[in-house]
Amino acid sequence: MTKPIEKILTKNKYLFLNPSLSDIKTVSLAEFYKLWLGANKPASLPSYKQFSSELVDEHIDDLAFLKFEPQTHRFKIIKMGRNVIDALGSSILGEYWDSLPGTDEGQARMSWAAQNKLPYYVGWPVYQWGNDKNANYSAINCPLFDEHDEVDGLIMCFAWER
């Protein structure tokens, strides 16, 4: 049973909805967030095509791209970096996020981001997920937009501390 979104979004002091750069304590995530903010211009919201490999090359191993399906409010994993796969122990490419075990809170946060068209940051020391139980993780999750300024995906950048 999924917990109410309000409990998920308010129980974690390490969760920042629509964070400022100063909220993000991990250098690599702050650098990635600057890239996303730079693509977020009044005339153009960030889209998949803006995040070419050259733009995110430094972060590519720590990224996951998810396609948002607004009719079902589901997120399908369409690209994964090597470090994400290693942390999980296997690729979950092509899977729907909500079909994976232990993803209720993440699904609620991602749904919030899609509904509000805003990013969020989750910091450590709270989160351990995936195959590597000796690593805490933090992530910045940012919406991506279609040509009608509707959310059509998320780009997630992760950092691990072992």
C-alpha atoms as a PDB file:
ATOM      1  CA  MET A   1       0.000   0.000   0.000  1.00  0.00           C
ATOM      2  CA  THR A   2       1.388   3.386  -0.981  1.00  0.00           C
ATOM      3  CA  LYS A   3       1.783   5.938   1.796  1.00  0.00           C
ATOM      4  CA  PRO A   4       0.028   9.304   1.417  1.00  0.00           C
ATOM      5  CA  ILE A   5       2.233  11.736  -0.483  1.00  0.00           C
ATOM      6  CA  GLU A   6       2.150  14.271   2.366  1.00  0.00           C
ATOM      7  CA  LYS A   7       3.743  11.801   4.806  1.00  0.00           C
ATOM      8  CA  ILE A   8       6.437  10.848   2.322  1.00  0.00           C
ATOM      9  CA  LEU A   9       7.284  14.432   1.410  1.00  0.00           C
ATOM     10  CA  THR A  10       7.311  15.771   4.973  1.00  0.00           C
ATOM     11  CA  LYS A  11       8.997  12.972   6.928  1.00  0.00           C
ATOM     12  CA  ASN A  12      12.481  13.446   5.492  1.00  0.00           C
ATOM     13  CA  LYS A  13      14.596  16.395   6.554  1.00  0.00           C
ATOM     14  CA  TYR A  14      17.011  15.514   3.741  1.00  0.00           C
ATOM     15  CA  LEU A  15      14.413  16.072   1.027  1.00  0.00           C
ATOM     16  CA  PHE A  16      14.390  19.483  -0.654  1.00  0.00           C
ATOM     17  CA  LEU A  17      11.546  20.262  -3.035  1.00  0.00           C
ATOM     18  CA  ASN A  18      12.572  22.844  -5.640  1.00  0.00           C
ATOM     19  CA  PRO A  19      16.000  23.194  -4.006  1.00  0.00           C
ATOM     20  CA  SER A  20      18.343  26.133  -4.115  1.00  0.00           C
ATOM     21  CA  LEU A  21      21.970  25.436  -5.049  1.00  0.00           C
ATOM     22  CA  SER A  22      22.951  25.927  -1.404  1.00  0.00           C
ATOM     23  CA  ASP A  23      20.664  23.020  -0.387  1.00  0.00           C
ATOM     24  CA  ILE A  24      22.749  20.589  -2.448  1.00  0.00           C
ATOM     25  CA  LYS A  25      25.784  19.504  -0.453  1.00  0.00           C
ATOM     26  CA  THR A  26      27.271  17.106  -3.014  1.00  0.00           C
ATOM     27  CA  VAL A  27      29.551  18.940  -5.440  1.00  0.00           C
ATOM     28  CA  SER A  28      28.858  16.726  -8.478  1.00  0.00           C
ATOM     29  CA  LEU A  29      25.092  17.052  -7.978  1.00  0.00           C
ATOM     30  CA  ALA A  30      25.330  20.818  -7.560  1.00  0.00           C
ATOM     31  CA  GLU A  31      27.313  20.982 -10.826  1.00  0.00           C
ATOM     32  CA  PHE A  32      24.691  18.902 -12.615  1.00  0.00           C
ATOM     33  CA  TYR A  33      21.887  21.060 -11.176  1.00  0.00           C
ATOM     34  CA  LYS A  34      23.623  24.139 -12.580  1.00  0.00           C
ATOM     35  CA  LEU A  35      23.510  22.500 -16.037  1.00  0.00           C
ATOM     36  CA  TRP A  36      19.775  21.868 -15.666  1.00  0.00           C
ATOM     37  CA  LEU A  37      19.152  25.390 -14.350  1.00  0.00           C
ATOM     38  CA  GLY A  38      21.145  26.773 -17.294  1.00  0.00           C
ATOM     39  CA  ALA A  39      18.878  24.913 -19.688  1.00  0.00           C
ATOM     40  CA  ASN A  40      15.819  26.234 -17.832  1.00  0.00           C
ATOM     41  CA  LYS A  41      15.376  29.548 -19.627  1.00  0.00           C
ATOM     42  CA  PRO A  42      12.114  31.478 -19.842  1.00  0.00           C
ATOM     43  CA  ALA A  43      11.756  30.801 -23.574  1.00  0.00           C
ATOM     44  CA  SER A  44      12.771  27.159 -23.356  1.00  0.00           C
ATOM     45  CA  LEU A  45      12.303  24.564 -20.615  1.00  0.00           C
ATOM     46  CA  PRO A  46      14.848  21.705 -20.404  1.00  0.00           C
ATOM     47  CA  SER A  47      14.163  18.799 -22.763  1.00  0.00           C
ATOM     48  CA  TYR A  48      15.812  15.469 -23.598  1.00  0.00           C
ATOM     49  CA  LYS A  49      17.453  16.886 -26.699  1.00  0.00           C
ATOM     50  CA  GLN A  50      19.169  19.636 -24.659  1.00  0.00           C
ATOM     51  CA  PHE A  51      20.948  17.022 -22.589  1.00  0.00           C
ATOM     52  CA  SER A  52      23.245  15.709 -25.297  1.00  0.00           C
ATOM     53  CA  SER A  53      26.142  13.521 -24.284  1.00  0.00           C
ATOM     54  CA  GLU A  54      28.534  16.478 -24.637  1.00  0.00           C
ATOM     55  CA  LEU A  55      26.538  18.528 -22.139  1.00  0.00           C
ATOM     56  CA  VAL A  56      26.352  15.804 -19.506  1.00  0.00           C
ATOM     57  CA  ASP A  57      29.495  13.832 -20.402  1.00  0.00           C
ATOM     58  CA  GLU A  58      31.013  14.425 -16.970  1.00  0.00           C
ATOM     59  CA  HIS A  59      27.891  12.966 -15.303  1.00  0.00           C
ATOM     60  CA  ILE A  60      26.803  10.322 -17.829  1.00  0.00           C
ATOM     61  CA  ASP A  61      27.705   7.316 -15.634  1.00  0.00           C
ATOM     62  CA  ASP A  62      25.591   8.710 -12.786  1.00  0.00           C
ATOM     63  CA  LEU A  63      22.464   9.514 -14.807  1.00  0.00           C
ATOM     64  CA  ALA A  64      19.148   7.811 -15.383  1.00  0.00           C
ATOM     65  CA  PHE A  65      16.525   9.064 -17.812  1.00  0.00           C
ATOM     66  CA  LEU A  66      12.894   8.200 -17.206  1.00  0.00           C
ATOM     67  CA  LYS A  67      10.031   8.730 -19.646  1.00  0.00           C
ATOM     68  CA  PHE A  68       6.865  10.022 -17.966  1.00  0.00           C
ATOM     69  CA  GLU A  69       3.578   8.601 -19.162  1.00  0.00           C
ATOM     70  CA  PRO A  70       0.980  11.181 -18.065  1.00  0.00           C
ATOM     71  CA  GLN A  71      -2.036   8.959 -18.749  1.00  0.00           C
ATOM     72  CA  THR A  72      -0.890   6.390 -16.187  1.00  0.00           C
ATOM     73  CA  HIS A  73       1.477   8.554 -14.085  1.00  0.00           C
ATOM     74  CA  ARG A  74       4.187   5.939 -14.580  1.00  0.00           C
ATOM     75  CA  PHE A  75       7.893   6.386 -15.225  1.00  0.00           C
ATOM     76  CA  LYS A  76       9.732   4.060 -17.614  1.00  0.00           C
ATOM     77  CA  ILE A  77      13.510   3.809 -17.316  1.00  0.00           C
ATOM     78  CA  ILE A  78      14.932   4.515 -20.775  1.00  0.00           C
ATOM     79  CA  LYS A  79      18.650   5.180 -20.114  1.00  0.00           C
ATOM     80  CA  MET A  80      20.978   4.271 -17.251  1.00  0.00           C
ATOM     81  CA  GLY A  81      24.585   5.139 -16.538  1.00  0.00           C
ATOM     82  CA  ARG A  82      27.186   2.552 -15.584  1.00  0.00           C
ATOM     83  CA  ASN A  83      27.397   3.629 -11.914  1.00  0.00           C
ATOM     84  CA  VAL A  84      23.613   3.416 -11.553  1.00  0.00           C
ATOM     85  CA  ILE A  85      23.629  -0.130 -12.954  1.00  0.00           C
ATOM     86  CA  ASP A  86      26.551  -1.095 -10.684  1.00  0.00           C
ATOM     87  CA  ALA A  87      24.798   0.287  -7.587  1.00  0.00           C
ATOM     88  CA  LEU A  88      21.640  -1.660  -8.411  1.00  0.00           C
ATOM     89  CA  GLY A  89      23.486  -4.839  -9.303  1.00  0.00           C
ATOM     90  CA  SER A  90      21.810  -5.105 -12.706  1.00  0.00           C
ATOM     91  CA  SER A  91      20.163  -3.044 -15.401  1.00  0.00           C
ATOM     92  CA  ILE A  92      16.510  -2.122 -14.959  1.00  0.00           C
ATOM     93  CA  LEU A  93      16.360  -0.532 -18.392  1.00  0.00           C
ATOM     94  CA  GLY A  94      12.858  -0.742 -19.846  1.00  0.00           C
ATOM     95  CA  GLU A  95      11.244  -1.333 -16.445  1.00  0.00           C
ATOM     96  CA  TYR A  96       8.600   0.865 -14.893  1.00  0.00           C
ATOM     97  CA  TRP A  97       9.790   2.463 -11.684  1.00  0.00           C
ATOM     98  CA  ASP A  98       6.667   1.517  -9.722  1.00  0.00           C
ATOM     99  CA  SER A  99       7.111  -2.170 -10.631  1.00  0.00           C
ATOM    100  CA  LEU A 100      10.401  -2.348  -8.724  1.00  0.00           C
ATOM    101  CA  PRO A 101      10.505  -3.328  -5.036  1.00  0.00           C
ATOM    102  CA  GLY A 102      10.981  -0.565  -2.469  1.00  0.00           C
ATOM    103  CA  THR A 103      10.179   2.348  -4.767  1.00  0.00           C
ATOM    104  CA  ASP A 104       6.968   3.744  -3.197  1.00  0.00           C
ATOM    105  CA  GLU A 105       8.674   6.820  -1.758  1.00  0.00           C
ATOM    106  CA  GLY A 106      10.622   7.466  -4.938  1.00  0.00           C
ATOM    107  CA  GLN A 107       7.455   7.113  -7.017  1.00  0.00           C
ATOM    108  CA  ALA A 108       5.703   9.662  -4.796  1.00  0.00           C
ATOM    109  CA  ARG A 109       8.592  12.128  -5.143  1.00  0.00           C
ATOM    110  CA  MET A 110       8.776  11.672  -8.910  1.00  0.00           C
ATOM    111  CA  SER A 111       5.004  12.129  -9.234  1.00  0.00           C
ATOM    112  CA  TRP A 112       5.320  15.346  -7.220  1.00  0.00           C
ATOM    113  CA  ALA A 113       8.074  16.569  -9.592  1.00  0.00           C
ATOM    114  CA  ALA A 114       5.974  15.780 -12.673  1.00  0.00           C
ATOM    115  CA  GLN A 115       2.818  17.356 -11.252  1.00  0.00           C
ATOM    116  CA  ASN A 116       4.561  20.501 -10.013  1.00  0.00           C
ATOM    117  CA  LYS A 117       7.081  20.738 -12.877  1.00  0.00           C
ATOM    118  CA  LEU A 118       9.861  21.232 -10.338  1.00  0.00           C
ATOM    119  CA  PRO A 119      13.035  19.392  -9.286  1.00  0.00           C
ATOM    120  CA  TYR A 120      13.846  17.847  -5.938  1.00  0.00           C
ATOM    121  CA  TYR A 121      16.985  16.800  -4.115  1.00  0.00           C
ATOM    122  CA  VAL A 122      17.314  13.863  -1.718  1.00  0.00           C
ATOM    123  CA  GLY A 123      20.434  13.888   0.439  1.00  0.00           C
ATOM    124  CA  TRP A 124      22.168  11.423   2.666  1.00  0.00           C
ATOM    125  CA  PRO A 125      22.626   9.910   5.225  1.00  0.00           C
ATOM    126  CA  VAL A 126      19.130   8.507   4.923  1.00  0.00           C
ATOM    127  CA  TYR A 127      19.011   6.583   1.687  1.00  0.00           C
ATOM    128  CA  GLN A 128      20.362   3.150   0.907  1.00  0.00           C
ATOM    129  CA  TRP A 129      18.834   1.484  -2.136  1.00  0.00           C
ATOM    130  CA  GLY A 130      19.840  -1.144  -4.583  1.00  0.00           C
ATOM    131  CA  ASN A 131      22.480  -3.825  -4.405  1.00  0.00           C
ATOM    132  CA  ASP A 132      25.149  -1.914  -2.469  1.00  0.00           C
ATOM    133  CA  LYS A 133      23.891  -1.658   1.127  1.00  0.00           C
ATOM    134  CA  ASN A 134      27.214  -0.107   2.177  1.00  0.00           C
ATOM    135  CA  ALA A 135      26.622   3.041   0.149  1.00  0.00           C
ATOM    136  CA  ASN A 136      24.384   5.958   0.946  1.00  0.00           C
ATOM    137  CA  TYR A 137      23.145   7.909  -2.004  1.00  0.00           C
ATOM    138  CA  SER A 138      21.822  11.314  -2.850  1.00  0.00           C
ATOM    139  CA  ALA A 139      20.150  12.424  -6.046  1.00  0.00           C
ATOM    140  CA  ILE A 140      18.872  15.473  -7.870  1.00  0.00           C
ATOM    141  CA  ASN A 141      15.817  14.693  -9.987  1.00  0.00           C
ATOM    142  CA  CYS A 142      14.806  17.263 -12.591  1.00  0.00           C
ATOM    143  CA  PRO A 143      11.834  17.322 -14.935  1.00  0.00           C
ATOM    144  CA  LEU A 144      12.248  17.405 -18.700  1.00  0.00           C
ATOM    145  CA  PHE A 145       9.664  19.012 -20.940  1.00  0.00           C
ATOM    146  CA  ASP A 146       8.113  18.486 -24.353  1.00  0.00           C
ATOM    147  CA  GLU A 147       7.485  21.222 -26.937  1.00  0.00           C
ATOM    148  CA  HIS A 148       4.222  22.152 -25.139  1.00  0.00           C
ATOM    149  CA  ASP A 149       6.014  22.712 -21.803  1.00  0.00           C
ATOM    150  CA  GLU A 150       4.495  19.564 -20.315  1.00  0.00           C
ATOM    151  CA  VAL A 151       6.625  17.143 -18.317  1.00  0.00           C
ATOM    152  CA  ASP A 152       7.537  14.144 -20.432  1.00  0.00           C
ATOM    153  CA  GLY A 153      10.373  12.752 -18.332  1.00  0.00           C
ATOM    154  CA  LEU A 154      12.875  13.078 -15.527  1.00  0.00           C
ATOM    155  CA  ILE A 155      16.629  13.167 -15.557  1.00  0.00           C
ATOM    156  CA  MET A 156      18.139  11.806 -12.353  1.00  0.00           C
ATOM    157  CA  CYS A 157      21.733  12.348 -11.300  1.00  0.00           C
ATOM    158  CA  PHE A 158      23.054  10.209  -8.430  1.00  0.00           C
ATOM    159  CA  ALA A 159      26.050  10.359  -6.100  1.00  0.00           C
ATOM    160  CA  TRP A 160      27.187   7.598  -3.748  1.00  0.00           C
ATOM    161  CA  GLU A 161      29.195   7.698  -0.556  1.00  0.00           C
ATOM    162  CA  ARG A 162      30.785   4.478   0.643  1.00  0.00           C
END
